[in-house]
Amino acid sequence: GLKFPPSFRRFVLRYGAGFFGGEEFYGLINDDFENACVPDGIWHTLRQRREFGLPKSMILFYTTYEYFDCAIDTSRSSEHGEHPVVELIPGDIPMTTRIVAPDFGFYLLEQVQYVISNARMETKDAGGS
């Protein structure tokens, strides 16, 4: 029942979901939301709503190494129709969030740049150029 913000909509329409340098970004795989699994972000979102009371304004798309879910918070909006990315703090009731990016596109770009930077550092440390 939520409208995807422009940056997430472009990502889903072009890629469905994504995996880059060990980082998995959930998206939309197909319309069978009952018999799916990650990386289907809609299935994951609906499951978290049922099992853990995830607010209906959240769209889950990523889980960090620390097992924090990242979500698009559709309860807040920019003038361009984008919504901030929040990190959900597990176990907190009521659920606590922390804004980590102004929108999905910004967050995705940061993660890709981080992966590329780490790959360059590993190559350099291994004696490569």
C-alpha atoms as a PDB file:
ATOM      1  CA  GLY A   1       0.000   0.000   0.000  1.00  0.00           C
ATOM      2  CA  LEU A   2       3.030   2.333  -0.094  1.00  0.00           C
ATOM      3  CA  LYS A   3       4.372   4.283  -3.042  1.00  0.00           C
ATOM      4  CA  PHE A   4       8.087   3.710  -3.657  1.00  0.00           C
ATOM      5  CA  PRO A   5      10.202   6.876  -3.683  1.00  0.00           C
ATOM      6  CA  PRO A   6      11.762   7.723  -7.072  1.00  0.00           C
ATOM      7  CA  SER A   7      15.294   6.439  -6.358  1.00  0.00           C
ATOM      8  CA  PHE A   8      14.087   3.067  -5.006  1.00  0.00           C
ATOM      9  CA  ARG A   9      11.541   2.740  -7.805  1.00  0.00           C
ATOM     10  CA  ARG A  10      14.296   3.223 -10.438  1.00  0.00           C
ATOM     11  CA  PHE A  11      16.457   0.614  -8.676  1.00  0.00           C
ATOM     12  CA  VAL A  12      13.632  -1.948  -8.515  1.00  0.00           C
ATOM     13  CA  LEU A  13      12.511  -1.362 -12.112  1.00  0.00           C
ATOM     14  CA  ARG A  14      16.045  -1.682 -13.466  1.00  0.00           C
ATOM     15  CA  TYR A  15      17.558  -4.386 -11.247  1.00  0.00           C
ATOM     16  CA  GLY A  16      14.802  -5.961  -9.145  1.00  0.00           C
ATOM     17  CA  ALA A  17      17.323  -6.447  -6.334  1.00  0.00           C
ATOM     18  CA  GLY A  18      21.093  -6.218  -6.184  1.00  0.00           C
ATOM     19  CA  PHE A  19      24.291  -7.778  -4.918  1.00  0.00           C
ATOM     20  CA  PHE A  20      27.525  -5.822  -5.038  1.00  0.00           C
ATOM     21  CA  GLY A  21      30.835  -6.718  -3.402  1.00  0.00           C
ATOM     22  CA  GLY A  22      29.191  -8.900  -0.776  1.00  0.00           C
ATOM     23  CA  GLU A  23      26.397  -6.405  -0.051  1.00  0.00           C
ATOM     24  CA  GLU A  24      22.840  -7.505  -0.808  1.00  0.00           C
ATOM     25  CA  PHE A  25      20.152  -4.915  -1.474  1.00  0.00           C
ATOM     26  CA  TYR A  26      16.600  -6.224  -1.305  1.00  0.00           C
ATOM     27  CA  GLY A  27      14.069  -5.230  -3.882  1.00  0.00           C
ATOM     28  CA  LEU A  28      11.156  -6.725  -5.750  1.00  0.00           C
ATOM     29  CA  ILE A  29      11.604 -10.200  -7.220  1.00  0.00           C
ATOM     30  CA  ASN A  30       8.063 -11.173  -8.224  1.00  0.00           C
ATOM     31  CA  ASP A  31       4.512 -10.757  -6.970  1.00  0.00           C
ATOM     32  CA  ASP A  32       4.428 -13.916  -4.786  1.00  0.00           C
ATOM     33  CA  PHE A  33       4.993 -12.229  -1.432  1.00  0.00           C
ATOM     34  CA  GLU A  34       3.952 -15.281   0.611  1.00  0.00           C
ATOM     35  CA  ASN A  35       6.395 -17.846  -0.829  1.00  0.00           C
ATOM     36  CA  ALA A  36       9.497 -15.744  -1.291  1.00  0.00           C
ATOM     37  CA  CYS A  37      12.717 -15.102   0.607  1.00  0.00           C
ATOM     38  CA  VAL A  38      15.474 -12.509   0.763  1.00  0.00           C
ATOM     39  CA  PRO A  39      16.389 -10.637  -1.464  1.00  0.00           C
ATOM     40  CA  ASP A  40      12.678  -9.974  -1.906  1.00  0.00           C
ATOM     41  CA  GLY A  41      12.340  -6.839   0.214  1.00  0.00           C
ATOM     42  CA  ILE A  42       8.564  -6.780   0.045  1.00  0.00           C
ATOM     43  CA  TRP A  43       8.339 -10.327   1.434  1.00  0.00           C
ATOM     44  CA  HIS A  44      10.863  -9.403   4.149  1.00  0.00           C
ATOM     45  CA  THR A  45       8.967  -6.198   5.002  1.00  0.00           C
ATOM     46  CA  LEU A  46       5.602  -7.965   5.235  1.00  0.00           C
ATOM     47  CA  ARG A  47       7.108 -10.730   7.376  1.00  0.00           C
ATOM     48  CA  GLN A  48       8.702  -8.227   9.768  1.00  0.00           C
ATOM     49  CA  ARG A  49       5.371  -6.402  10.054  1.00  0.00           C
ATOM     50  CA  ARG A  50       3.574  -9.621  11.012  1.00  0.00           C
ATOM     51  CA  GLU A  51       6.217 -11.051  13.331  1.00  0.00           C
ATOM     52  CA  PHE A  52       7.808  -7.986  14.919  1.00  0.00           C
ATOM     53  CA  GLY A  53       5.385  -5.103  14.479  1.00  0.00           C
ATOM     54  CA  LEU A  54       7.411  -3.204  11.887  1.00  0.00           C
ATOM     55  CA  PRO A  55       5.571   0.080  11.252  1.00  0.00           C
ATOM     56  CA  LYS A  56       3.607   0.167   7.993  1.00  0.00           C
ATOM     57  CA  SER A  57       5.581   3.240   6.908  1.00  0.00           C
ATOM     58  CA  MET A  58       8.834   1.239   6.576  1.00  0.00           C
ATOM     59  CA  ILE A  59      10.155  -0.541   3.476  1.00  0.00           C
ATOM     60  CA  LEU A  60      13.079  -2.841   4.328  1.00  0.00           C
ATOM     61  CA  PHE A  61      15.877  -3.144   1.769  1.00  0.00           C
ATOM     62  CA  TYR A  62      19.134  -4.040   3.533  1.00  0.00           C
ATOM     63  CA  THR A  63      20.550  -5.706   6.640  1.00  0.00           C
ATOM     64  CA  THR A  64      23.923  -4.536   7.992  1.00  0.00           C
ATOM     65  CA  TYR A  65      26.669  -6.785   9.328  1.00  0.00           C
ATOM     66  CA  GLU A  66      25.478  -5.829  12.803  1.00  0.00           C
ATOM     67  CA  TYR A  67      22.015  -7.184  11.860  1.00  0.00           C
ATOM     68  CA  PHE A  68      20.366  -3.782  11.847  1.00  0.00           C
ATOM     69  CA  ASP A  69      17.668  -3.541   9.210  1.00  0.00           C
ATOM     70  CA  CYS A  70      17.752  -0.485   6.981  1.00  0.00           C
ATOM     71  CA  ALA A  71      14.454   0.875   5.766  1.00  0.00           C
ATOM     72  CA  ILE A  72      12.972   3.649   3.715  1.00  0.00           C
ATOM     73  CA  ASP A  73      10.822   5.636   6.139  1.00  0.00           C
ATOM     74  CA  THR A  74       7.819   6.776   4.127  1.00  0.00           C
ATOM     75  CA  SER A  75       6.386   8.722   7.070  1.00  0.00           C
ATOM     76  CA  ARG A  76       8.873  11.511   6.296  1.00  0.00           C
ATOM     77  CA  SER A  77       9.218  13.044   2.852  1.00  0.00           C
ATOM     78  CA  SER A  78      11.357  15.549   0.977  1.00  0.00           C
ATOM     79  CA  GLU A  79      10.055  18.043  -1.573  1.00  0.00           C
ATOM     80  CA  HIS A  80      11.224  15.627  -4.303  1.00  0.00           C
ATOM     81  CA  GLY A  81       9.163  12.712  -2.998  1.00  0.00           C
ATOM     82  CA  GLU A  82      12.159  10.926  -1.505  1.00  0.00           C
ATOM     83  CA  HIS A  83      12.184   9.479   1.995  1.00  0.00           C
ATOM     84  CA  PRO A  84      15.080   9.093   4.431  1.00  0.00           C
ATOM     85  CA  VAL A  85      16.842   5.810   5.063  1.00  0.00           C
ATOM     86  CA  VAL A  86      16.762   4.755   8.688  1.00  0.00           C
ATOM     87  CA  GLU A  87      18.540   2.075  10.613  1.00  0.00           C
ATOM     88  CA  LEU A  88      16.215   0.126  12.897  1.00  0.00           C
ATOM     89  CA  ILE A  89      17.682  -0.687  16.298  1.00  0.00           C
ATOM     90  CA  PRO A  90      16.778  -4.333  17.008  1.00  0.00           C
ATOM     91  CA  GLY A  91      15.033  -5.217  20.225  1.00  0.00           C
ATOM     92  CA  ASP A  92      13.937  -1.693  21.106  1.00  0.00           C
ATOM     93  CA  ILE A  93      10.237  -1.372  21.909  1.00  0.00           C
ATOM     94  CA  PRO A  94       8.944   0.952  20.716  1.00  0.00           C
ATOM     95  CA  MET A  95      11.199   0.640  17.698  1.00  0.00           C
ATOM     96  CA  THR A  96      14.032   3.154  17.613  1.00  0.00           C
ATOM     97  CA  THR A  97      15.335   4.516  14.315  1.00  0.00           C
ATOM     98  CA  ARG A  98      18.362   6.535  13.307  1.00  0.00           C
ATOM     99  CA  ILE A  99      18.503   8.413   9.994  1.00  0.00           C
ATOM    100  CA  VAL A 100      21.574   7.267   8.046  1.00  0.00           C
ATOM    101  CA  ALA A 101      20.933   8.843   4.615  1.00  0.00           C
ATOM    102  CA  PRO A 102      18.588  11.394   3.047  1.00  0.00           C
ATOM    103  CA  ASP A 103      17.285   8.828   0.533  1.00  0.00           C
ATOM    104  CA  PHE A 104      17.804   5.371  -0.968  1.00  0.00           C
ATOM    105  CA  GLY A 105      19.914   6.580  -3.917  1.00  0.00           C
ATOM    106  CA  PHE A 106      22.355   8.371  -1.620  1.00  0.00           C
ATOM    107  CA  TYR A 107      22.602   5.336   0.670  1.00  0.00           C
ATOM    108  CA  LEU A 108      23.189   2.927  -2.213  1.00  0.00           C
ATOM    109  CA  LEU A 109      25.893   5.169  -3.694  1.00  0.00           C
ATOM    110  CA  GLU A 110      27.655   5.393  -0.311  1.00  0.00           C
ATOM    111  CA  GLN A 111      27.638   1.605   0.055  1.00  0.00           C
ATOM    112  CA  VAL A 112      28.987   1.031  -3.460  1.00  0.00           C
ATOM    113  CA  GLN A 113      31.734   3.623  -2.910  1.00  0.00           C
ATOM    114  CA  TYR A 114      32.631   1.948   0.403  1.00  0.00           C
ATOM    115  CA  VAL A 115      32.931  -1.474  -1.248  1.00  0.00           C
ATOM    116  CA  ILE A 116      35.103  -0.067  -4.057  1.00  0.00           C
ATOM    117  CA  SER A 117      37.308   1.783  -1.558  1.00  0.00           C
ATOM    118  CA  ASN A 118      37.820  -1.376   0.505  1.00  0.00           C
ATOM    119  CA  ALA A 119      38.634  -3.400  -2.618  1.00  0.00           C
ATOM    120  CA  ARG A 120      41.281  -0.835  -3.600  1.00  0.00           C
ATOM    121  CA  MET A 121      42.779  -0.920  -0.093  1.00  0.00           C
ATOM    122  CA  GLU A 122      42.921  -4.740  -0.154  1.00  0.00           C
ATOM    123  CA  THR A 123      44.583  -4.696  -3.585  1.00  0.00           C
ATOM    124  CA  LYS A 124      47.106  -2.111  -2.387  1.00  0.00           C
ATOM    125  CA  ASP A 125      47.813  -4.077   0.809  1.00  0.00           C
ATOM    126  CA  ALA A 126      48.323  -7.235  -1.261  1.00  0.00           C
ATOM    127  CA  GLY A 127      51.016  -5.490  -3.295  1.00  0.00           C
ATOM    128  CA  GLY A 128      48.878  -4.606  -6.285  1.00  0.00           C
ATOM    129  CA  SER A 129      48.698  -1.217  -7.915  1.00  0.00           C
END
